[in-house]
Every structure is written in C-alpha cells, then in structure tokens.
Amino acid sequence: GTIPPELGNLVYLETLSLGRNQLT
C-alpha cells in the first residue's frame, strides 16, 4: 500500500524508517 499522509502529523518525529518493504 501507500505511505499514509497522516504520518505528516507526527511533528516530533526524528526517525522515519520504512525501507525494504513493498510500498507503492
């Protein structure tokens, strides 16, 4: 599936690691 745009709400996020999946 896709990367949820809702992740943009995580204003304190320092690390976002989504590699090595099957995201489209």
PDB file of all heavy atoms in Angstrom:
ATOM      1  N   GLY A   1       0.820  -1.208   0.000  1.00  0.00           N
ATOM      2  CA  GLY A   1       0.000   0.000   0.000  1.00  0.00           C
ATOM      3  C   GLY A   1       0.851   1.254   0.000  1.00  0.00           C
ATOM      4  O   GLY A   1       2.064   1.216  -0.216  1.00  0.00           O
ATOM      5  N   THR A   2       0.221   2.379   0.255  1.00  0.00           N
ATOM      6  CA  THR A   2       0.882   3.669   0.192  1.00  0.00           C
ATOM      7  C   THR A   2       1.352   4.130   1.569  1.00  0.00           C
ATOM      8  O   THR A   2       0.946   3.587   2.591  1.00  0.00           O
ATOM      9  CB  THR A   2      -0.063   4.724  -0.397  1.00  0.00           C
ATOM     10  OG1 THR A   2      -1.231   4.812   0.444  1.00  0.00           O
ATOM     11  CG2 THR A   2      -0.493   4.335  -1.810  1.00  0.00           C
ATOM     12  N   ILE A   3       2.208   5.139   1.574  1.00  0.00           N
ATOM     13  CA  ILE A   3       2.634   5.779   2.822  1.00  0.00           C
ATOM     14  C   ILE A   3       1.510   6.710   3.268  1.00  0.00           C
ATOM     15  O   ILE A   3       1.144   7.624   2.531  1.00  0.00           O
ATOM     16  CB  ILE A   3       3.935   6.570   2.617  1.00  0.00           C
ATOM     17  CG1 ILE A   3       5.064   5.645   2.165  1.00  0.00           C
ATOM     18  CG2 ILE A   3       4.329   7.300   3.900  1.00  0.00           C
ATOM     19  CD1 ILE A   3       6.336   6.370   1.794  1.00  0.00           C
ATOM     20  N   PRO A   4       0.933   6.493   4.432  1.00  0.00           N
ATOM     21  CA  PRO A   4      -0.205   7.334   4.854  1.00  0.00           C
ATOM     22  C   PRO A   4       0.207   8.798   5.011  1.00  0.00           C
ATOM     23  O   PRO A   4       1.196   9.091   5.696  1.00  0.00           O
ATOM     24  CB  PRO A   4      -0.601   6.739   6.211  1.00  0.00           C
ATOM     25  CG  PRO A   4       0.001   5.380   6.251  1.00  0.00           C
ATOM     26  CD  PRO A   4       1.245   5.455   5.431  1.00  0.00           C
ATOM     27  N   PRO A   5      -0.519   9.712   4.413  1.00  0.00           N
ATOM     28  CA  PRO A   5      -0.201  11.139   4.610  1.00  0.00           C
ATOM     29  C   PRO A   5      -0.348  11.558   6.060  1.00  0.00           C
ATOM     30  O   PRO A   5       0.247  12.556   6.486  1.00  0.00           O
ATOM     31  CB  PRO A   5      -1.210  11.852   3.711  1.00  0.00           C
ATOM     32  CG  PRO A   5      -2.309  10.867   3.473  1.00  0.00           C
ATOM     33  CD  PRO A   5      -1.661   9.530   3.502  1.00  0.00           C
ATOM     34  N   GLU A   6      -1.102  10.782   6.855  1.00  0.00           N
ATOM     35  CA  GLU A   6      -1.288  11.101   8.270  1.00  0.00           C
ATOM     36  C   GLU A   6       0.016  11.073   9.059  1.00  0.00           C
ATOM     37  O   GLU A   6       0.106  11.675  10.144  1.00  0.00           O
ATOM     38  CB  GLU A   6      -2.289  10.132   8.908  1.00  0.00           C
ATOM     39  CG  GLU A   6      -3.727  10.317   8.463  1.00  0.00           C
ATOM     40  CD  GLU A   6      -4.054   9.617   7.146  1.00  0.00           C
ATOM     41  OE1 GLU A   6      -3.131   9.029   6.534  1.00  0.00           O
ATOM     42  OE2 GLU A   6      -5.220   9.660   6.729  1.00  0.00           O
ATOM     43  N   LEU A   7       1.034  10.378   8.531  1.00  0.00           N
ATOM     44  CA  LEU A   7       2.324  10.380   9.218  1.00  0.00           C
ATOM     45  C   LEU A   7       2.916  11.780   9.282  1.00  0.00           C
ATOM     46  O   LEU A   7       3.774  12.059  10.125  1.00  0.00           O
ATOM     47  CB  LEU A   7       3.301   9.421   8.529  1.00  0.00           C
ATOM     48  CG  LEU A   7       2.925   7.936   8.537  1.00  0.00           C
ATOM     49  CD1 LEU A   7       4.041   7.112   7.913  1.00  0.00           C
ATOM     50  CD2 LEU A   7       2.631   7.442   9.954  1.00  0.00           C
ATOM     51  N   GLY A   8       2.460  12.666   8.429  1.00  0.00           N
ATOM     52  CA  GLY A   8       2.897  14.053   8.467  1.00  0.00           C
ATOM     53  C   GLY A   8       2.439  14.802   9.699  1.00  0.00           C
ATOM     54  O   GLY A   8       2.883  15.932   9.947  1.00  0.00           O
ATOM     55  N   ASN A   9       1.563  14.179  10.506  1.00  0.00           N
ATOM     56  CA  ASN A   9       1.097  14.802  11.745  1.00  0.00           C
ATOM     57  C   ASN A   9       2.072  14.604  12.901  1.00  0.00           C
ATOM     58  O   ASN A   9       1.906  15.222  13.953  1.00  0.00           O
ATOM     59  CB  ASN A   9      -0.256  14.211  12.160  1.00  0.00           C
ATOM     60  CG  ASN A   9      -1.351  14.483  11.146  1.00  0.00           C
ATOM     61  OD1 ASN A   9      -1.315  15.474  10.445  1.00  0.00           O
ATOM     62  ND2 ASN A   9      -2.317  13.585  11.082  1.00  0.00           N
ATOM     63  N   LEU A  10       3.089  13.752  12.707  1.00  0.00           N
ATOM     64  CA  LEU A  10       3.997  13.381  13.801  1.00  0.00           C
ATOM     65  C   LEU A  10       5.099  14.427  13.937  1.00  0.00           C
ATOM     66  O   LEU A  10       6.249  14.202  13.563  1.00  0.00           O
ATOM     67  CB  LEU A  10       4.574  11.987  13.541  1.00  0.00           C
ATOM     68  CG  LEU A  10       3.534  10.879  13.322  1.00  0.00           C
ATOM     69  CD1 LEU A  10       4.206   9.566  12.978  1.00  0.00           C
ATOM     70  CD2 LEU A  10       2.654  10.728  14.562  1.00  0.00           C
ATOM     71  N   VAL A  11       4.758  15.554  14.505  1.00  0.00           N
ATOM     72  CA  VAL A  11       5.643  16.728  14.473  1.00  0.00           C
ATOM     73  C   VAL A  11       6.917  16.542  15.281  1.00  0.00           C
ATOM     74  O   VAL A  11       7.894  17.281  15.072  1.00  0.00           O
ATOM     75  CB  VAL A  11       4.893  17.984  14.957  1.00  0.00           C
ATOM     76  CG1 VAL A  11       3.781  18.336  13.982  1.00  0.00           C
ATOM     77  CG2 VAL A  11       4.328  17.776  16.365  1.00  0.00           C
ATOM     78  N   TYR A  12       6.957  15.574  16.204  1.00  0.00           N
ATOM     79  CA  TYR A  12       8.172  15.333  16.984  1.00  0.00           C
ATOM     80  C   TYR A  12       9.047  14.239  16.396  1.00  0.00           C
ATOM     81  O   TYR A  12      10.105  13.921  16.945  1.00  0.00           O
ATOM     82  CB  TYR A  12       7.818  14.973  18.430  1.00  0.00           C
ATOM     83  CG  TYR A  12       7.192  16.113  19.195  1.00  0.00           C
ATOM     84  CD1 TYR A  12       5.831  16.110  19.508  1.00  0.00           C
ATOM     85  CD2 TYR A  12       7.957  17.205  19.601  1.00  0.00           C
ATOM     86  CE1 TYR A  12       5.253  17.155  20.207  1.00  0.00           C
ATOM     87  CE2 TYR A  12       7.383  18.263  20.300  1.00  0.00           C
ATOM     88  CZ  TYR A  12       6.033  18.232  20.598  1.00  0.00           C
ATOM     89  OH  TYR A  12       5.471  19.276  21.284  1.00  0.00           O
ATOM     90  N   LEU A  13       8.624  13.670  15.282  1.00  0.00           N
ATOM     91  CA  LEU A  13       9.329  12.534  14.710  1.00  0.00           C
ATOM     92  C   LEU A  13      10.733  12.916  14.256  1.00  0.00           C
ATOM     93  O   LEU A  13      10.925  13.905  13.547  1.00  0.00           O
ATOM     94  CB  LEU A  13       8.537  11.976  13.519  1.00  0.00           C
ATOM     95  CG  LEU A  13       8.830  10.524  13.134  1.00  0.00           C
ATOM     96  CD1 LEU A  13       8.419   9.576  14.252  1.00  0.00           C
ATOM     97  CD2 LEU A  13       8.112  10.153  11.848  1.00  0.00           C
ATOM     98  N   GLU A  14      11.712  12.099  14.682  1.00  0.00           N
ATOM     99  CA  GLU A  14      13.097  12.301  14.293  1.00  0.00           C
ATOM    100  C   GLU A  14      13.589  11.233  13.322  1.00  0.00           C
ATOM    101  O   GLU A  14      14.453  11.507  12.496  1.00  0.00           O
ATOM    102  CB  GLU A  14      13.997  12.317  15.534  1.00  0.00           C
ATOM    103  CG  GLU A  14      13.698  13.464  16.491  1.00  0.00           C
ATOM    104  CD  GLU A  14      14.566  13.435  17.735  1.00  0.00           C
ATOM    105  OE1 GLU A  14      15.369  12.479  17.873  1.00  0.00           O
ATOM    106  OE2 GLU A  14      14.449  14.346  18.560  1.00  0.00           O
ATOM    107  N   THR A  15      13.039  10.038  13.427  1.00  0.00           N
ATOM    108  CA  THR A  15      13.419   8.933  12.539  1.00  0.00           C
ATOM    109  C   THR A  15      12.170   8.286  11.958  1.00  0.00           C
ATOM    110  O   THR A  15      11.285   7.862  12.705  1.00  0.00           O
ATOM    111  CB  THR A  15      14.234   7.870  13.298  1.00  0.00           C
ATOM    112  OG1 THR A  15      15.432   8.439  13.802  1.00  0.00           O
ATOM    113  CG2 THR A  15      14.588   6.703  12.369  1.00  0.00           C
ATOM    114  N   LEU A  16      12.123   8.204  10.631  1.00  0.00           N
ATOM    115  CA  LEU A  16      11.052   7.505   9.926  1.00  0.00           C
ATOM    116  C   LEU A  16      11.706   6.516   8.977  1.00  0.00           C
ATOM    117  O   LEU A  16      12.296   6.899   7.966  1.00  0.00           O
ATOM    118  CB  LEU A  16      10.180   8.486   9.154  1.00  0.00           C
ATOM    119  CG  LEU A  16       9.053   7.865   8.307  1.00  0.00           C
ATOM    120  CD1 LEU A  16       8.117   7.027   9.156  1.00  0.00           C
ATOM    121  CD2 LEU A  16       8.275   8.949   7.566  1.00  0.00           C
ATOM    122  N   SER A  17      11.620   5.243   9.328  1.00  0.00           N
ATOM    123  CA  SER A  17      12.314   4.210   8.569  1.00  0.00           C
ATOM    124  C   SER A  17      11.305   3.205   8.022  1.00  0.00           C
ATOM    125  O   SER A  17      10.715   2.420   8.774  1.00  0.00           O
ATOM    126  CB  SER A  17      13.333   3.496   9.474  1.00  0.00           C
ATOM    127  OG  SER A  17      14.158   2.630   8.733  1.00  0.00           O
ATOM    128  N   LEU A  18      11.106   3.263   6.703  1.00  0.00           N
ATOM    129  CA  LEU A  18      10.112   2.425   6.024  1.00  0.00           C
ATOM    130  C   LEU A  18      10.741   1.567   4.937  1.00  0.00           C
ATOM    131  O   LEU A  18      10.030   0.998   4.113  1.00  0.00           O
ATOM    132  CB  LEU A  18       9.028   3.317   5.401  1.00  0.00           C
ATOM    133  CG  LEU A  18       8.339   4.330   6.320  1.00  0.00           C
ATOM    134  CD1 LEU A  18       7.353   5.175   5.520  1.00  0.00           C
ATOM    135  CD2 LEU A  18       7.635   3.632   7.472  1.00  0.00           C
ATOM    136  N   GLY A  19      12.056   1.472   4.908  1.00  0.00           N
ATOM    137  CA  GLY A  19      12.744   0.784   3.826  1.00  0.00           C
ATOM    138  C   GLY A  19      12.509  -0.713   3.795  1.00  0.00           C
ATOM    139  O   GLY A  19      12.027  -1.324   4.751  1.00  0.00           O
ATOM    140  N   ARG A  20      12.822  -1.301   2.644  1.00  0.00           N
ATOM    141  CA  ARG A  20      12.758  -2.744   2.428  1.00  0.00           C
ATOM    142  C   ARG A  20      11.378  -3.323   2.739  1.00  0.00           C
ATOM    143  O   ARG A  20      11.222  -4.243   3.532  1.00  0.00           O
ATOM    144  CB  ARG A  20      13.852  -3.478   3.212  1.00  0.00           C
ATOM    145  CG  ARG A  20      15.248  -3.068   2.812  1.00  0.00           C
ATOM    146  CD  ARG A  20      16.306  -4.063   3.233  1.00  0.00           C
ATOM    147  NE  ARG A  20      16.342  -4.285   4.667  1.00  0.00           N
ATOM    148  CZ  ARG A  20      16.943  -3.479   5.548  1.00  0.00           C
ATOM    149  NH1 ARG A  20      17.556  -2.380   5.123  1.00  0.00           N
ATOM    150  NH2 ARG A  20      16.953  -3.769   6.820  1.00  0.00           N
ATOM    151  N   ASN A  21      10.375  -2.727   2.105  1.00  0.00           N
ATOM    152  CA  ASN A  21       9.016  -3.250   2.125  1.00  0.00           C
ATOM    153  C   ASN A  21       8.516  -3.346   0.685  1.00  0.00           C
ATOM    154  O   ASN A  21       9.317  -3.451  -0.243  1.00  0.00           O
ATOM    155  CB  ASN A  21       8.119  -2.349   2.979  1.00  0.00           C
ATOM    156  CG  ASN A  21       8.291  -2.605   4.465  1.00  0.00           C
ATOM    157  OD1 ASN A  21       7.898  -3.652   4.978  1.00  0.00           O
ATOM    158  ND2 ASN A  21       8.890  -1.649   5.176  1.00  0.00           N
ATOM    159  N   GLN A  22       7.222  -3.298   0.492  1.00  0.00           N
ATOM    160  CA  GLN A  22       6.647  -3.350  -0.855  1.00  0.00           C
ATOM    161  C   GLN A  22       5.672  -2.191  -1.041  1.00  0.00           C
ATOM    162  O   GLN A  22       4.628  -2.334  -1.664  1.00  0.00           O
ATOM    163  CB  GLN A  22       5.948  -4.694  -1.068  1.00  0.00           C
ATOM    164  CG  GLN A  22       6.868  -5.903  -0.935  1.00  0.00           C
ATOM    165  CD  GLN A  22       6.138  -7.225  -0.913  1.00  0.00           C
ATOM    166  OE1 GLN A  22       5.058  -7.361  -1.485  1.00  0.00           O
ATOM    167  NE2 GLN A  22       6.707  -8.217  -0.249  1.00  0.00           N
ATOM    168  N   LEU A  23       6.048  -1.045  -0.504  1.00  0.00           N
ATOM    169  CA  LEU A  23       5.187   0.126  -0.554  1.00  0.00           C
ATOM    170  C   LEU A  23       5.110   0.688  -1.967  1.00  0.00           C
ATOM    171  O   LEU A  23       6.103   0.682  -2.702  1.00  0.00           O
ATOM    172  CB  LEU A  23       5.703   1.200   0.410  1.00  0.00           C
ATOM    173  CG  LEU A  23       5.773   0.772   1.887  1.00  0.00           C
ATOM    174  CD1 LEU A  23       6.430   1.862   2.720  1.00  0.00           C
ATOM    175  CD2 LEU A  23       4.386   0.435   2.419  1.00  0.00           C
ATOM    176  N   THR A  24       3.945   1.180  -2.329  1.00  0.00           N
ATOM    177  CA  THR A  24       3.718   1.715  -3.670  1.00  0.00           C
ATOM    178  C   THR A  24       3.184   3.148  -3.570  1.00  0.00           C
ATOM    179  O   THR A  24       2.997   3.686  -2.489  1.00  0.00           O
ATOM    180  CB  THR A  24       2.717   0.836  -4.434  1.00  0.00           C
ATOM    181  OG1 THR A  24       1.501   0.731  -3.660  1.00  0.00           O
ATOM    182  CG2 THR A  24       3.268  -0.558  -4.665  1.00  0.00           C
TER     183      THR A  24
END
